[in-house]
Amino acid sequence: MIMKKFLNDPETLAQDENEGLVLAHSDMLEMVGDGIIIRKKPKEKGKVQIVFGQGSGHEPGLNGLIGYGMHDVEVPGGIFACAGGDRIYEAIKIAWDMSGKTPVLALIANHEGDVINNGIAIDMARDEGIDVESVLLYDDIASAPKGEEEKRRGMGGMVFGFKIAGALAEDGKSRDEVAEITRQTTALTKTLAVAMKPCTHPQTGQPLFGLADDELIIGPGVHGEAGPEGPMKIITADAVMDIVAGRVLEDGEFKKGDDTLVLINGCGSTTLMEMFLLYRRLHQILEEKGIRPFRPLVGNYITTQEMAGFSLSLCKADDEIKRLWAAPADTPYLKVMA
């Protein structure tokens, strides 16, 4: 099947694009070992190193989020396929050595392959005497009901966990403290996505799901997994946000006087014009309810190739979460000034 994408060999697609990322940001990133990406200027020894192993195809996430105040070591896998346990184990060893044998934190997106491969890697590392702990990241309210949050998929809201963990590590907090506050942040994070057009898998040329030209779906996953509902007819941006924000606010039990982190994350082909239209309506809804958005983030951070759609993520935030969200970060695709 002919795809309108700029491609070379599908078999080396992930490797080639990650090499390009590192070359384009060679002042910040370096590739070592078996395609593992690290910070060019590592944090001081004695501070917690953060490792994340995942699939490629979500650019600029997640390899574009390596740097000061965020991740230290990334292990990119194939397109939408988590890196193997042996490579994540190699990354944990690299982090352990870079930190001067300070305890390591592995963040895990809650998808079956990610959980399995990270679990293998962590067991291998512990057998070697490496002190490594993990935190599971989950936020997609469409994938499991309230009360079963740890069955939910990792989605755009993982950016909150990445940023909070990274800021705590830069502060020099212990690994256990970084892990605990990241778990608390994850538990408070709620995400719901909408899609109007599927992406095509760049290695197969096949769309990940089907939709008529006048339809959208609520609740798809970050890999194009089906949501719990059937398609509905396309409605206005304001009407979509009324549905999505209503469900996210209800699931998170937000109330008047709360502060919230906000991420409107584009799925790949959604324009900034559309995202700002969506944010405008969200801001109106929050204002009506007496809920205060704190430093909203709007743009493409964890995409699904060229899928048309967005996800809304909210995280109820106390003063410490707000401080950590606002703390400096310097990565290729997320920069926060002091």
C-alpha atoms as a PDB file:
ATOM      1  CA  MET A   1       0.000   0.000   0.000  1.00  0.00           C
ATOM      2  CA  ILE A   2       1.318   3.466  -0.892  1.00  0.00           C
ATOM      3  CA  MET A   3       1.477   5.844   2.066  1.00  0.00           C
ATOM      4  CA  LYS A   4       1.976   9.585   1.861  1.00  0.00           C
ATOM      5  CA  LYS A   5       4.782   9.550   4.421  1.00  0.00           C
ATOM      6  CA  PHE A   6       8.491  10.225   4.016  1.00  0.00           C
ATOM      7  CA  LEU A   7       9.891   6.765   4.752  1.00  0.00           C
ATOM      8  CA  ASN A   8      12.888   4.566   4.042  1.00  0.00           C
ATOM      9  CA  ASP A   9      13.052   0.921   5.141  1.00  0.00           C
ATOM     10  CA  PRO A  10      10.103   0.115   7.435  1.00  0.00           C
ATOM     11  CA  GLU A  11      12.274  -2.390   9.312  1.00  0.00           C
ATOM     12  CA  THR A  12      14.706   0.303  10.491  1.00  0.00           C
ATOM     13  CA  LEU A  13      12.168   3.098  10.832  1.00  0.00           C
ATOM     14  CA  ALA A  14      12.348   3.538  14.620  1.00  0.00           C
ATOM     15  CA  GLN A  15      16.143   3.318  14.677  1.00  0.00           C
ATOM     16  CA  ASP A  16      16.497   5.830  11.840  1.00  0.00           C
ATOM     17  CA  GLU A  17      14.116   8.384  13.314  1.00  0.00           C
ATOM     18  CA  ASN A  18      15.725   8.203  16.754  1.00  0.00           C
ATOM     19  CA  GLU A  19      19.154   8.699  15.212  1.00  0.00           C
ATOM     20  CA  GLY A  20      17.738  11.790  13.509  1.00  0.00           C
ATOM     21  CA  LEU A  21      16.327  13.077  16.798  1.00  0.00           C
ATOM     22  CA  VAL A  22      19.685  12.727  18.537  1.00  0.00           C
ATOM     23  CA  LEU A  23      21.566  14.348  15.656  1.00  0.00           C
ATOM     24  CA  ALA A  24      19.129  17.279  15.621  1.00  0.00           C
ATOM     25  CA  HIS A  25      19.556  17.792  19.382  1.00  0.00           C
ATOM     26  CA  SER A  26      23.169  16.727  19.821  1.00  0.00           C
ATOM     27  CA  ASP A  27      23.714  19.474  22.383  1.00  0.00           C
ATOM     28  CA  MET A  28      21.214  17.740  24.697  1.00  0.00           C
ATOM     29  CA  LEU A  29      21.041  14.067  23.684  1.00  0.00           C
ATOM     30  CA  GLU A  30      23.437  11.194  23.093  1.00  0.00           C
ATOM     31  CA  MET A  31      22.864   7.638  21.831  1.00  0.00           C
ATOM     32  CA  VAL A  32      24.746   4.838  23.591  1.00  0.00           C
ATOM     33  CA  GLY A  33      24.698   1.043  23.683  1.00  0.00           C
ATOM     34  CA  ASP A  34      21.873  -0.627  21.779  1.00  0.00           C
ATOM     35  CA  GLY A  35      20.022   2.516  20.661  1.00  0.00           C
ATOM     36  CA  ILE A  36      19.576   3.908  24.182  1.00  0.00           C
ATOM     37  CA  ILE A  37      19.229   7.693  24.470  1.00  0.00           C
ATOM     38  CA  ILE A  38      20.678   9.598  27.426  1.00  0.00           C
ATOM     39  CA  ARG A  39      21.164  13.167  28.568  1.00  0.00           C
ATOM     40  CA  LYS A  40      24.310  14.687  27.103  1.00  0.00           C
ATOM     41  CA  LYS A  41      24.936  16.435  30.440  1.00  0.00           C
ATOM     42  CA  PRO A  42      23.840  14.047  33.195  1.00  0.00           C
ATOM     43  CA  LYS A  43      22.648  15.331  36.560  1.00  0.00           C
ATOM     44  CA  GLU A  44      25.007  15.275  39.525  1.00  0.00           C
ATOM     45  CA  LYS A  45      25.986  11.908  40.979  1.00  0.00           C
ATOM     46  CA  GLY A  46      23.884  11.037  43.980  1.00  0.00           C
ATOM     47  CA  LYS A  47      20.654  12.228  42.383  1.00  0.00           C
ATOM     48  CA  VAL A  48      17.967   9.804  41.233  1.00  0.00           C
ATOM     49  CA  GLN A  49      18.137   8.765  37.574  1.00  0.00           C
ATOM     50  CA  ILE A  50      14.805   8.318  35.773  1.00  0.00           C
ATOM     51  CA  VAL A  51      14.518   5.580  33.129  1.00  0.00           C
ATOM     52  CA  PHE A  52      11.634   5.114  30.705  1.00  0.00           C
ATOM     53  CA  GLY A  53      11.258   2.297  28.165  1.00  0.00           C
ATOM     54  CA  GLN A  54       8.520   2.518  25.545  1.00  0.00           C
ATOM     55  CA  GLY A  55       7.554   2.282  21.891  1.00  0.00           C
ATOM     56  CA  SER A  56       8.373   4.797  19.186  1.00  0.00           C
ATOM     57  CA  GLY A  57       5.792   6.520  16.998  1.00  0.00           C
ATOM     58  CA  HIS A  58       4.577   9.054  19.582  1.00  0.00           C
ATOM     59  CA  GLU A  59       6.906  11.912  18.678  1.00  0.00           C
ATOM     60  CA  PRO A  60       7.958  14.203  20.294  1.00  0.00           C
ATOM     61  CA  GLY A  61       7.141  11.854  23.146  1.00  0.00           C
ATOM     62  CA  LEU A  62       8.859  10.307  24.616  1.00  0.00           C
ATOM     63  CA  ASN A  63      12.479  10.666  23.585  1.00  0.00           C
ATOM     64  CA  GLY A  64      12.010  14.399  23.087  1.00  0.00           C
ATOM     65  CA  LEU A  65      11.405  14.745  26.840  1.00  0.00           C
ATOM     66  CA  ILE A  66      14.936  13.839  27.940  1.00  0.00           C
ATOM     67  CA  GLY A  67      16.912  16.512  29.743  1.00  0.00           C
ATOM     68  CA  TYR A  68      17.148  18.728  32.785  1.00  0.00           C
ATOM     69  CA  GLY A  69      14.076  18.336  34.966  1.00  0.00           C
ATOM     70  CA  MET A  70      12.704  15.348  33.057  1.00  0.00           C
ATOM     71  CA  HIS A  71      14.011  11.927  31.966  1.00  0.00           C
ATOM     72  CA  ASP A  72      17.642  10.800  32.096  1.00  0.00           C
ATOM     73  CA  VAL A  73      17.577   7.590  30.031  1.00  0.00           C
ATOM     74  CA  GLU A  74      15.099   6.518  27.340  1.00  0.00           C
ATOM     75  CA  VAL A  75      14.821   3.124  25.657  1.00  0.00           C
ATOM     76  CA  PRO A  76      12.876   3.473  22.403  1.00  0.00           C
ATOM     77  CA  GLY A  77      11.290   0.330  21.021  1.00  0.00           C
ATOM     78  CA  GLY A  78       9.670  -0.270  17.641  1.00  0.00           C
ATOM     79  CA  ILE A  79       6.610   1.592  16.382  1.00  0.00           C
ATOM     80  CA  PHE A  80       3.955   1.266  19.118  1.00  0.00           C
ATOM     81  CA  ALA A  81       5.955  -1.625  20.629  1.00  0.00           C
ATOM     82  CA  CYS A  82       7.813  -1.397  23.932  1.00  0.00           C
ATOM     83  CA  ALA A  83      11.547  -1.986  23.980  1.00  0.00           C
ATOM     84  CA  GLY A  84      12.619  -5.480  25.019  1.00  0.00           C
ATOM     85  CA  GLY A  85      13.469  -6.324  28.605  1.00  0.00           C
ATOM     86  CA  ASP A  86      17.154  -6.837  27.803  1.00  0.00           C
ATOM     87  CA  ARG A  87      17.507  -3.283  26.443  1.00  0.00           C
ATOM     88  CA  ILE A  88      15.612  -1.740  29.365  1.00  0.00           C
ATOM     89  CA  TYR A  89      17.916  -3.707  31.691  1.00  0.00           C
ATOM     90  CA  GLU A  90      20.898  -2.216  29.849  1.00  0.00           C
ATOM     91  CA  ALA A  91      19.401   1.254  30.358  1.00  0.00           C
ATOM     92  CA  ILE A  92      18.915   0.676  34.089  1.00  0.00           C
ATOM     93  CA  LYS A  93      22.583  -0.354  34.365  1.00  0.00           C
ATOM     94  CA  ILE A  94      23.630   2.805  32.517  1.00  0.00           C
ATOM     95  CA  ALA A  95      21.525   4.941  34.881  1.00  0.00           C
ATOM     96  CA  TRP A  96      22.944   3.137  37.933  1.00  0.00           C
ATOM     97  CA  ASP A  97      26.496   3.813  36.799  1.00  0.00           C
ATOM     98  CA  MET A  98      25.817   7.440  35.792  1.00  0.00           C
ATOM     99  CA  SER A  99      24.325   8.181  39.212  1.00  0.00           C
ATOM    100  CA  GLY A 100      27.223   6.745  41.191  1.00  0.00           C
ATOM    101  CA  LYS A 101      25.043   3.788  42.185  1.00  0.00           C
ATOM    102  CA  THR A 102      22.183   5.913  43.503  1.00  0.00           C
ATOM    103  CA  PRO A 103      18.792   4.116  43.520  1.00  0.00           C
ATOM    104  CA  VAL A 104      17.109   4.242  40.089  1.00  0.00           C
ATOM    105  CA  LEU A 105      13.462   4.942  39.262  1.00  0.00           C
ATOM    106  CA  ALA A 106      11.812   3.282  36.241  1.00  0.00           C
ATOM    107  CA  LEU A 107       8.566   4.824  35.022  1.00  0.00           C
ATOM    108  CA  ILE A 108       6.208   2.417  33.224  1.00  0.00           C
ATOM    109  CA  ALA A 109       3.294   3.271  30.937  1.00  0.00           C
ATOM    110  CA  ASN A 110       0.386   1.002  31.782  1.00  0.00           C
ATOM    111  CA  HIS A 111       0.261  -1.082  28.612  1.00  0.00           C
ATOM    112  CA  GLU A 112       0.676  -4.855  28.645  1.00  0.00           C
ATOM    113  CA  GLY A 113       3.954  -5.018  26.722  1.00  0.00           C
ATOM    114  CA  ASP A 114       5.482  -2.155  28.703  1.00  0.00           C
ATOM    115  CA  VAL A 115       4.593  -3.765  32.023  1.00  0.00           C
ATOM    116  CA  ILE A 116       5.952  -7.175  30.985  1.00  0.00           C
ATOM    117  CA  ASN A 117       9.230  -5.937  29.499  1.00  0.00           C
ATOM    118  CA  ASN A 118       9.948  -3.478  32.292  1.00  0.00           C
ATOM    119  CA  GLY A 119       9.217  -6.205  34.834  1.00  0.00           C
ATOM    120  CA  ILE A 120      11.743  -8.505  33.164  1.00  0.00           C
ATOM    121  CA  ALA A 121      14.342  -5.725  33.132  1.00  0.00           C
ATOM    122  CA  ILE A 122      13.806  -4.820  36.781  1.00  0.00           C
ATOM    123  CA  ASP A 123      14.129  -8.450  37.872  1.00  0.00           C
ATOM    124  CA  MET A 124      17.381  -8.766  35.904  1.00  0.00           C
ATOM    125  CA  ALA A 125      18.738  -5.557  37.425  1.00  0.00           C
ATOM    126  CA  ARG A 126      17.863  -6.567  40.975  1.00  0.00           C
ATOM    127  CA  ASP A 127      19.588  -9.908  40.435  1.00  0.00           C
ATOM    128  CA  GLU A 128      22.728  -7.871  39.704  1.00  0.00           C
ATOM    129  CA  GLY A 129      22.367  -5.938  42.960  1.00  0.00           C
ATOM    130  CA  ILE A 130      20.994  -2.758  41.346  1.00  0.00           C
ATOM    131  CA  ASP A 131      18.535  -0.838  43.530  1.00  0.00           C
ATOM    132  CA  VAL A 132      15.656  -0.043  41.174  1.00  0.00           C
ATOM    133  CA  GLU A 133      12.012   0.706  41.869  1.00  0.00           C
ATOM    134  CA  SER A 134       9.156   1.387  39.451  1.00  0.00           C
ATOM    135  CA  VAL A 135       6.048   3.550  39.224  1.00  0.00           C
ATOM    136  CA  LEU A 136       3.113   2.593  36.989  1.00  0.00           C
ATOM    137  CA  LEU A 137       1.598   5.513  35.049  1.00  0.00           C
ATOM    138  CA  TYR A 138      -2.122   5.335  34.206  1.00  0.00           C
ATOM    139  CA  ASP A 139      -4.729   8.016  33.466  1.00  0.00           C
ATOM    140  CA  ASP A 140      -7.195   7.036  30.683  1.00  0.00           C
ATOM    141  CA  ILE A 141     -10.677   7.098  32.228  1.00  0.00           C
ATOM    142  CA  ALA A 142     -12.185   5.389  29.164  1.00  0.00           C
ATOM    143  CA  SER A 143     -10.222   2.171  29.646  1.00  0.00           C
ATOM    144  CA  ALA A 144     -11.373   1.138  33.138  1.00  0.00           C
ATOM    145  CA  PRO A 145     -14.083   2.332  35.523  1.00  0.00           C
ATOM    146  CA  LYS A 146     -13.670   4.429  38.620  1.00  0.00           C
ATOM    147  CA  GLY A 147     -12.420   2.222  41.437  1.00  0.00           C
ATOM    148  CA  GLU A 148     -10.204   0.251  39.039  1.00  0.00           C
ATOM    149  CA  GLU A 149      -7.805   3.080  38.213  1.00  0.00           C
ATOM    150  CA  GLU A 150      -4.685   0.907  38.061  1.00  0.00           C
ATOM    151  CA  LYS A 151      -6.197  -0.940  35.085  1.00  0.00           C
ATOM    152  CA  ARG A 152      -6.315   2.291  33.089  1.00  0.00           C
ATOM    153  CA  ARG A 153      -4.004   2.895  30.119  1.00  0.00           C
ATOM    154  CA  GLY A 154      -1.165   5.394  30.166  1.00  0.00           C
ATOM    155  CA  MET A 155      -2.057   8.400  27.993  1.00  0.00           C
ATOM    156  CA  GLY A 156      -1.140  12.072  27.612  1.00  0.00           C
ATOM    157  CA  GLY A 157      -1.514  12.668  31.334  1.00  0.00           C
ATOM    158  CA  MET A 158       1.729  10.751  31.855  1.00  0.00           C
ATOM    159  CA  VAL A 159       3.437  14.076  31.075  1.00  0.00           C
ATOM    160  CA  PHE A 160       2.380  15.251  34.545  1.00  0.00           C
ATOM    161  CA  GLY A 161       4.105  12.259  36.152  1.00  0.00           C
ATOM    162  CA  PHE A 162       7.218  12.733  34.012  1.00  0.00           C
ATOM    163  CA  LYS A 163       7.517  16.385  34.999  1.00  0.00           C
ATOM    164  CA  ILE A 164       6.832  15.907  38.715  1.00  0.00           C
ATOM    165  CA  ALA A 165       9.282  12.993  38.982  1.00  0.00           C
ATOM    166  CA  GLY A 166      11.942  14.900  37.074  1.00  0.00           C
ATOM    167  CA  ALA A 167      11.620  18.007  39.229  1.00  0.00           C
ATOM    168  CA  LEU A 168      11.840  15.994  42.440  1.00  0.00           C
ATOM    169  CA  ALA A 169      14.950  14.183  41.185  1.00  0.00           C
ATOM    170  CA  GLU A 170      16.615  17.495  40.296  1.00  0.00           C
ATOM    171  CA  ASP A 171      15.779  18.691  43.825  1.00  0.00           C
ATOM    172  CA  GLY A 172      17.856  15.809  45.160  1.00  0.00           C
ATOM    173  CA  LYS A 173      14.951  13.984  46.809  1.00  0.00           C
ATOM    174  CA  SER A 174      15.352  10.314  47.652  1.00  0.00           C
ATOM    175  CA  ARG A 175      14.193   7.700  45.169  1.00  0.00           C
ATOM    176  CA  ASP A 176      11.409   6.588  47.514  1.00  0.00           C
ATOM    177  CA  GLU A 177      10.124  10.157  47.881  1.00  0.00           C
ATOM    178  CA  VAL A 178      10.243  10.714  44.108  1.00  0.00           C
ATOM    179  CA  ALA A 179       8.327   7.466  43.587  1.00  0.00           C
ATOM    180  CA  GLU A 180       5.681   8.217  46.216  1.00  0.00           C
ATOM    181  CA  ILE A 181       4.831  11.725  45.000  1.00  0.00           C
ATOM    182  CA  THR A 182       4.791  10.499  41.382  1.00  0.00           C
ATOM    183  CA  ARG A 183       2.299   7.793  42.401  1.00  0.00           C
ATOM    184  CA  GLN A 184       0.143  10.412  44.114  1.00  0.00           C
ATOM    185  CA  THR A 185       0.250  12.582  40.989  1.00  0.00           C
ATOM    186  CA  THR A 186      -0.738   9.632  38.803  1.00  0.00           C
ATOM    187  CA  ALA A 187      -3.700   8.814  41.032  1.00  0.00           C
ATOM    188  CA  LEU A 188      -4.939  12.399  40.639  1.00  0.00           C
ATOM    189  CA  THR A 189      -4.516  12.473  36.832  1.00  0.00           C
ATOM    190  CA  LYS A 190      -7.526  11.917  34.564  1.00  0.00           C
ATOM    191  CA  THR A 191      -7.472  11.806  30.746  1.00  0.00           C
ATOM    192  CA  LEU A 192     -10.024  11.330  27.989  1.00  0.00           C
ATOM    193  CA  ALA A 193      -9.286  11.363  24.241  1.00  0.00           C
ATOM    194  CA  VAL A 194     -11.284  12.046  21.087  1.00  0.00           C
ATOM    195  CA  ALA A 195     -10.406  11.015  17.520  1.00  0.00           C
ATOM    196  CA  MET A 196     -11.860  12.060  14.158  1.00  0.00           C
ATOM    197  CA  LYS A 197      -9.448  10.196  11.875  1.00  0.00           C
ATOM    198  CA  PRO A 198      -7.229   7.149  12.467  1.00  0.00           C
ATOM    199  CA  CYS A 199      -3.531   7.009  11.811  1.00  0.00           C
ATOM    200  CA  THR A 200      -1.934   4.543   9.422  1.00  0.00           C
ATOM    201  CA  HIS A 201       0.728   2.303  10.882  1.00  0.00           C
ATOM    202  CA  PRO A 202       3.912   3.349   9.046  1.00  0.00           C
ATOM    203  CA  GLN A 203       5.198  -0.218   8.795  1.00  0.00           C
ATOM    204  CA  THR A 204       2.019  -1.827   7.465  1.00  0.00           C
ATOM    205  CA  GLY A 205       0.161   1.008   5.751  1.00  0.00           C
ATOM    206  CA  GLN A 206      -3.035  -0.087   7.519  1.00  0.00           C
ATOM    207  CA  PRO A 207      -5.342   2.272   9.454  1.00  0.00           C
ATOM    208  CA  LEU A 208      -5.698   1.367  13.122  1.00  0.00           C
ATOM    209  CA  PHE A 209      -9.476   1.759  13.105  1.00  0.00           C
ATOM    210  CA  GLY A 210     -12.253   2.877  10.787  1.00  0.00           C
ATOM    211  CA  LEU A 211     -14.431   5.995  10.909  1.00  0.00           C
ATOM    212  CA  ALA A 212     -16.783   7.575   8.410  1.00  0.00           C
ATOM    213  CA  ASP A 213     -15.945  11.086   7.255  1.00  0.00           C
ATOM    214  CA  ASP A 214     -18.678  12.591   9.430  1.00  0.00           C
ATOM    215  CA  GLU A 215     -17.899  10.613  12.614  1.00  0.00           C
ATOM    216  CA  LEU A 216     -15.739  10.854  15.730  1.00  0.00           C
ATOM    217  CA  ILE A 217     -15.130   8.538  18.655  1.00  0.00           C
ATOM    218  CA  ILE A 218     -14.621   9.304  22.331  1.00  0.00           C
ATOM    219  CA  GLY A 219     -12.156   7.258  24.359  1.00  0.00           C
ATOM    220  CA  PRO A 220      -9.540   5.874  21.908  1.00  0.00           C
ATOM    221  CA  GLY A 221      -6.147   4.817  23.273  1.00  0.00           C
ATOM    222  CA  VAL A 222      -2.750   6.252  22.471  1.00  0.00           C
ATOM    223  CA  HIS A 223      -2.147   3.422  19.958  1.00  0.00           C
ATOM    224  CA  GLY A 224      -5.562   3.830  18.350  1.00  0.00           C
ATOM    225  CA  GLU A 225      -7.201   1.242  20.594  1.00  0.00           C
ATOM    226  CA  ALA A 226     -10.982   1.369  20.432  1.00  0.00           C
ATOM    227  CA  GLY A 227     -12.899   3.309  23.030  1.00  0.00           C
ATOM    228  CA  PRO A 228     -15.854   1.886  24.958  1.00  0.00           C
ATOM    229  CA  GLU A 229     -18.414   3.676  22.770  1.00  0.00           C
ATOM    230  CA  GLY A 230     -19.381   3.525  19.125  1.00  0.00           C
ATOM    231  CA  PRO A 231     -18.889   6.436  16.740  1.00  0.00           C
ATOM    232  CA  MET A 232     -20.985   9.591  16.931  1.00  0.00           C
ATOM    233  CA  LYS A 233     -21.572  12.355  14.416  1.00  0.00           C
ATOM    234  CA  ILE A 234     -19.065  15.218  14.399  1.00  0.00           C
ATOM    235  CA  ILE A 235     -20.136  18.134  16.600  1.00  0.00           C
ATOM    236  CA  THR A 236     -18.642  21.537  17.367  1.00  0.00           C
ATOM    237  CA  ALA A 237     -15.437  22.038  19.328  1.00  0.00           C
ATOM    238  CA  ASP A 238     -17.401  23.525  22.232  1.00  0.00           C
ATOM    239  CA  ALA A 239     -19.823  20.593  22.280  1.00  0.00           C
ATOM    240  CA  VAL A 240     -16.974  18.080  22.259  1.00  0.00           C
ATOM    241  CA  MET A 241     -15.237  19.836  25.137  1.00  0.00           C
ATOM    242  CA  ASP A 242     -18.487  19.965  27.105  1.00  0.00           C
ATOM    243  CA  ILE A 243     -18.631  16.159  26.942  1.00  0.00           C
ATOM    244  CA  VAL A 244     -14.932  15.494  27.567  1.00  0.00           C
ATOM    245  CA  ALA A 245     -14.413  18.039  30.343  1.00  0.00           C
ATOM    246  CA  GLY A 246     -17.622  16.974  32.041  1.00  0.00           C
ATOM    247  CA  ARG A 247     -16.491  13.351  32.242  1.00  0.00           C
ATOM    248  CA  VAL A 248     -12.935  14.161  33.330  1.00  0.00           C
ATOM    249  CA  LEU A 249     -14.095  16.589  36.039  1.00  0.00           C
ATOM    250  CA  GLU A 250     -16.640  14.091  37.318  1.00  0.00           C
ATOM    251  CA  ASP A 251     -14.150  11.221  37.436  1.00  0.00           C
ATOM    252  CA  GLY A 252     -11.595  13.392  39.253  1.00  0.00           C
ATOM    253  CA  GLU A 253     -14.199  14.707  41.708  1.00  0.00           C
ATOM    254  CA  PHE A 254     -13.102  18.288  41.071  1.00  0.00           C
ATOM    255  CA  LYS A 255     -14.858  20.974  43.107  1.00  0.00           C
ATOM    256  CA  LYS A 256     -15.001  24.738  43.443  1.00  0.00           C
ATOM    257  CA  GLY A 257     -11.705  26.154  44.703  1.00  0.00           C
ATOM    258  CA  ASP A 258      -9.513  23.376  43.276  1.00  0.00           C
ATOM    259  CA  ASP A 259      -6.388  24.098  41.262  1.00  0.00           C
ATOM    260  CA  THR A 260      -5.651  21.838  38.300  1.00  0.00           C
ATOM    261  CA  LEU A 261      -2.827  21.134  35.905  1.00  0.00           C
ATOM    262  CA  VAL A 262      -4.096  21.094  32.323  1.00  0.00           C
ATOM    263  CA  LEU A 263      -2.826  19.389  29.178  1.00  0.00           C
ATOM    264  CA  ILE A 264      -4.581  19.535  25.827  1.00  0.00           C
ATOM    265  CA  ASN A 265      -2.489  17.077  23.858  1.00  0.00           C
ATOM    266  CA  GLY A 266      -2.754  16.877  20.079  1.00  0.00           C
ATOM    267  CA  CYS A 267      -2.842  13.388  18.586  1.00  0.00           C
ATOM    268  CA  GLY A 268      -0.707  14.274  15.556  1.00  0.00           C
ATOM    269  CA  SER A 269      -2.568  16.151  12.835  1.00  0.00           C
ATOM    270  CA  THR A 270      -4.815  18.383  14.925  1.00  0.00           C
ATOM    271  CA  THR A 271      -3.905  22.036  14.370  1.00  0.00           C
ATOM    272  CA  LEU A 272      -3.036  24.481  17.120  1.00  0.00           C
ATOM    273  CA  MET A 273      -6.007  26.522  15.945  1.00  0.00           C
ATOM    274  CA  GLU A 274      -8.301  23.637  16.876  1.00  0.00           C
ATOM    275  CA  MET A 275      -6.535  23.036  20.177  1.00  0.00           C
ATOM    276  CA  PHE A 276      -6.869  26.682  21.212  1.00  0.00           C
ATOM    277  CA  LEU A 277     -10.575  26.585  20.324  1.00  0.00           C
ATOM    278  CA  LEU A 278     -10.865  23.577  22.628  1.00  0.00           C
ATOM    279  CA  TYR A 279      -8.879  25.260  25.392  1.00  0.00           C
ATOM    280  CA  ARG A 280     -11.070  28.389  25.154  1.00  0.00           C
ATOM    281  CA  ARG A 281     -14.152  26.325  25.953  1.00  0.00           C
ATOM    282  CA  LEU A 282     -12.350  24.381  28.690  1.00  0.00           C
ATOM    283  CA  HIS A 283     -11.291  27.637  30.353  1.00  0.00           C
ATOM    284  CA  GLN A 284     -14.916  28.821  30.311  1.00  0.00           C
ATOM    285  CA  ILE A 285     -16.084  25.568  31.903  1.00  0.00           C
ATOM    286  CA  LEU A 286     -13.434  25.718  34.643  1.00  0.00           C
ATOM    287  CA  GLU A 287     -14.234  29.368  35.344  1.00  0.00           C
ATOM    288  CA  GLU A 288     -17.943  28.596  35.644  1.00  0.00           C
ATOM    289  CA  LYS A 289     -17.156  25.863  38.179  1.00  0.00           C
ATOM    290  CA  GLY A 290     -14.642  27.917  40.186  1.00  0.00           C
ATOM    291  CA  ILE A 291     -11.722  25.634  39.276  1.00  0.00           C
ATOM    292  CA  ARG A 292      -8.394  27.336  38.568  1.00  0.00           C
ATOM    293  CA  PRO A 293      -6.149  26.097  35.695  1.00  0.00           C
ATOM    294  CA  PHE A 294      -2.433  26.316  36.521  1.00  0.00           C
ATOM    295  CA  ARG A 295       0.091  26.836  33.714  1.00  0.00           C
ATOM    296  CA  PRO A 296      -1.861  24.993  30.986  1.00  0.00           C
ATOM    297  CA  LEU A 297       0.056  23.101  28.317  1.00  0.00           C
ATOM    298  CA  VAL A 298      -1.404  22.992  24.788  1.00  0.00           C
ATOM    299  CA  GLY A 299       0.283  21.183  21.889  1.00  0.00           C
ATOM    300  CA  ASN A 300       1.588  17.868  20.549  1.00  0.00           C
ATOM    301  CA  TYR A 301       3.452  15.937  23.255  1.00  0.00           C
ATOM    302  CA  ILE A 302       2.408  12.272  22.982  1.00  0.00           C
ATOM    303  CA  THR A 303       1.036  11.685  19.492  1.00  0.00           C
ATOM    304  CA  THR A 304      -0.312   8.741  17.501  1.00  0.00           C
ATOM    305  CA  GLN A 305       1.326   9.400  14.156  1.00  0.00           C
ATOM    306  CA  GLU A 306      -1.111  11.493  12.071  1.00  0.00           C
ATOM    307  CA  MET A 307      -4.270  10.628  14.010  1.00  0.00           C
ATOM    308  CA  ALA A 308      -6.686  13.574  14.111  1.00  0.00           C
ATOM    309  CA  GLY A 309      -7.887  14.241  17.635  1.00  0.00           C
ATOM    310  CA  PHE A 310      -6.837  15.359  21.083  1.00  0.00           C
ATOM    311  CA  SER A 311      -6.819  14.281  24.694  1.00  0.00           C
ATOM    312  CA  LEU A 312      -7.658  16.334  27.762  1.00  0.00           C
ATOM    313  CA  SER A 313      -5.712  15.649  30.954  1.00  0.00           C
ATOM    314  CA  LEU A 314      -6.400  17.264  34.320  1.00  0.00           C
ATOM    315  CA  CYS A 315      -4.540  16.713  37.604  1.00  0.00           C
ATOM    316  CA  LYS A 316      -5.821  18.147  40.871  1.00  0.00           C
ATOM    317  CA  ALA A 317      -2.861  20.129  42.235  1.00  0.00           C
ATOM    318  CA  ASP A 318      -1.822  21.298  45.692  1.00  0.00           C
ATOM    319  CA  ASP A 319       0.925  23.888  46.248  1.00  0.00           C
ATOM    320  CA  GLU A 320       3.716  21.299  46.034  1.00  0.00           C
ATOM    321  CA  ILE A 321       2.455  19.803  42.765  1.00  0.00           C
ATOM    322  CA  LYS A 322       2.166  23.328  41.338  1.00  0.00           C
ATOM    323  CA  ARG A 323       5.728  24.128  42.430  1.00  0.00           C
ATOM    324  CA  LEU A 324       7.072  20.992  40.777  1.00  0.00           C
ATOM    325  CA  TRP A 325       5.063  21.575  37.579  1.00  0.00           C
ATOM    326  CA  ALA A 326       6.504  25.104  37.376  1.00  0.00           C
ATOM    327  CA  ALA A 327      10.088  24.016  38.185  1.00  0.00           C
ATOM    328  CA  PRO A 328      12.687  24.536  35.416  1.00  0.00           C
ATOM    329  CA  ALA A 329      12.980  21.933  32.665  1.00  0.00           C
ATOM    330  CA  ASP A 330      15.075  21.910  29.523  1.00  0.00           C
ATOM    331  CA  THR A 331      14.417  19.179  26.964  1.00  0.00           C
ATOM    332  CA  PRO A 332      14.100  19.267  23.176  1.00  0.00           C
ATOM    333  CA  TYR A 333      10.299  19.555  23.308  1.00  0.00           C
ATOM    334  CA  LEU A 334       9.388  20.787  26.777  1.00  0.00           C
ATOM    335  CA  LYS A 335      11.057  23.842  28.255  1.00  0.00           C
ATOM    336  CA  VAL A 336      10.045  25.587  31.465  1.00  0.00           C
ATOM    337  CA  MET A 337      11.898  28.734  32.410  1.00  0.00           C
ATOM    338  CA  ALA A 338      12.663  29.510  36.054  1.00  0.00           C
END
